[in-house]
């Protein structure tokens, strides 16, 4: 079952990258809920989710870096590139009856770590 979920999420990003909106919309449940907790934004309904993707500015592309799937849930880490800018996105997908019913997106930003009390915590060079 997780292979069906994997194929669904891979199709989601493939069709979004190809701007194949008619086919993309078939992957979505009409009552899909989308959330971005960091910005408190949300979209109710597949039509809003589709519009968000189809109106996103710039020549963007999402590349899957990691995808972990269960029957009804998937966690996907993407590299989201718009022009020369690149950012990491983490999406949690909810799946039911072969369609996407919910998506929660997190967009972590790099930050300077706090001072550590242990010398065992190391930091990679830039």
Protein backbone atom coordinates (compact mmCIF):
# COMPACT_ATOMS: atom_id res chain seq x y z
CA UNK A 1 0.00 0.00 0.00
CA UNK A 2 2.82 2.42 0.71
CA UNK A 3 3.96 1.94 -2.90
CA UNK A 4 0.61 3.39 -4.05
CA UNK A 5 1.14 6.34 -1.74
CA UNK A 6 4.70 6.75 -3.06
CA UNK A 7 3.46 6.76 -6.66
CA UNK A 8 0.78 9.33 -5.76
CA UNK A 9 3.24 11.76 -4.16
CA UNK A 10 5.75 11.32 -6.98
CA UNK A 11 2.95 12.07 -9.47
CA UNK A 12 1.98 15.15 -7.42
CA UNK A 13 5.43 16.71 -7.81
CA UNK A 14 5.97 15.48 -11.37
CA UNK A 15 2.67 16.93 -12.61
CA UNK A 16 3.19 20.16 -10.66
CA UNK A 17 6.64 20.60 -12.21
CA UNK A 18 5.17 19.92 -15.67
CA UNK A 19 2.29 22.37 -15.00
CA UNK A 20 -0.17 19.62 -15.98
CA UNK A 21 -2.96 21.11 -13.87
CA UNK A 22 -5.82 19.00 -15.21
CA UNK A 23 -4.05 15.75 -14.32
CA UNK A 24 -2.70 17.25 -11.07
CA UNK A 25 -6.25 18.07 -9.94
CA UNK A 26 -7.25 14.40 -10.24
CA UNK A 27 -4.83 13.56 -7.42
CA UNK A 28 -6.69 15.80 -4.96
CA UNK A 29 -9.74 15.15 -2.81
CA UNK A 30 -12.29 17.97 -3.23
CA UNK A 31 -12.21 18.70 0.53
CA UNK A 32 -8.39 18.75 0.74
CA UNK A 33 -6.99 20.90 3.56
CA UNK A 34 -3.64 22.66 3.18
CA UNK A 35 -1.74 24.36 6.01
CA UNK A 36 1.49 26.24 6.60
CA UNK A 37 1.81 26.43 10.41
CA UNK A 38 4.74 28.87 10.35
CA UNK A 39 2.75 31.55 8.52
CA UNK A 40 -0.70 30.47 9.76
CA UNK A 41 -1.88 30.26 6.13
CA UNK A 42 -4.33 27.62 4.97
CA UNK A 43 -6.43 26.66 1.98
CA UNK A 44 -9.74 24.82 2.10
CA UNK A 45 -10.55 22.69 -0.91
CA UNK A 46 -8.67 21.21 -3.83
CA UNK A 47 -9.54 24.17 -6.06
CA UNK A 48 -7.62 26.52 -3.73
CA UNK A 49 -4.63 24.18 -3.52
CA UNK A 50 -4.57 23.91 -7.31
CA UNK A 51 -4.80 27.69 -7.68
CA UNK A 52 -1.98 28.22 -5.20
CA UNK A 53 0.31 25.96 -7.27
CA UNK A 54 -0.77 27.27 -10.67
CA UNK A 55 -0.30 30.93 -9.68
CA UNK A 56 3.00 30.56 -7.80
CA UNK A 57 5.32 33.16 -9.34
CA UNK A 58 8.51 32.37 -11.19
CA UNK A 59 9.89 29.37 -12.98
CA UNK A 60 9.95 27.06 -9.97
CA UNK A 61 10.79 23.39 -9.72
CA UNK A 62 10.49 20.93 -6.84
CA UNK A 63 12.86 17.96 -6.59
CA UNK A 64 12.21 15.15 -4.15
CA UNK A 65 15.15 14.56 -1.81
CA UNK A 66 13.48 12.11 0.60
CA UNK A 67 10.11 10.38 0.55
CA UNK A 68 8.86 8.13 3.34
CA UNK A 69 5.45 6.57 2.88
CA UNK A 70 2.83 4.64 4.77
CA UNK A 71 -0.59 3.66 3.49
CA UNK A 72 -2.32 6.89 4.54
CA UNK A 73 0.56 9.30 5.15
CA UNK A 74 3.79 10.44 3.51
CA UNK A 75 6.59 12.76 4.52
CA UNK A 76 8.41 14.38 1.63
CA UNK A 77 11.49 16.60 1.74
CA UNK A 78 11.93 18.68 -1.40
CA UNK A 79 14.44 21.08 -2.84
CA UNK A 80 12.29 23.97 -4.08
CA UNK A 81 14.11 26.17 -6.59
CA UNK A 82 12.91 29.47 -8.03
CA UNK A 83 15.53 30.92 -10.32
CA UNK A 84 18.83 30.99 -8.40
CA UNK A 85 17.11 30.73 -5.00
CA UNK A 86 16.72 27.30 -3.41
CA UNK A 87 14.97 26.29 -0.20
CA UNK A 88 14.04 23.12 1.60
CA UNK A 89 10.40 22.20 2.03
CA UNK A 90 8.98 19.45 4.22
CA UNK A 91 5.49 18.27 3.32
CA UNK A 92 3.31 15.89 5.28
CA UNK A 93 0.69 14.39 3.00
CA UNK A 94 -2.49 12.67 4.16
CA UNK A 95 -3.94 10.14 1.73
CA UNK A 96 -7.28 8.36 1.60
CA UNK A 97 -8.73 6.16 -1.16
CA UNK A 98 -5.86 6.99 -3.52
CA UNK A 99 -6.14 10.79 -3.38
CA UNK A 100 -4.47 13.50 -1.32
CA UNK A 101 -6.76 14.72 1.45
CA UNK A 102 -4.39 16.98 3.38
CA UNK A 103 -1.00 18.68 3.13
CA UNK A 104 0.97 20.46 5.83
CA UNK A 105 4.06 22.34 4.64
CA UNK A 106 7.05 23.42 6.71
CA UNK A 107 9.74 25.70 5.29
CA UNK A 108 12.75 25.55 7.62
CA UNK A 109 15.27 28.35 7.32
CA UNK A 110 18.93 28.13 8.28
CA UNK A 111 19.79 29.81 11.58
CA UNK A 112 22.77 30.41 13.79
CA UNK A 113 22.84 27.79 16.53
CA UNK A 114 23.05 28.76 20.19
CA UNK A 115 26.26 28.23 22.16
CA UNK A 116 26.62 24.58 23.12
CA UNK A 117 27.69 23.27 26.50
CA UNK A 118 29.22 20.17 24.93
CA UNK A 119 32.30 20.09 22.70
CA UNK A 120 30.86 16.98 21.01
CA UNK A 121 28.40 19.03 18.93
CA UNK A 122 30.20 19.96 15.72
CA UNK A 123 29.31 22.20 12.80
CA UNK A 124 30.06 21.54 9.14
CA UNK A 125 31.88 24.25 7.19
CA UNK A 126 29.92 26.24 4.60
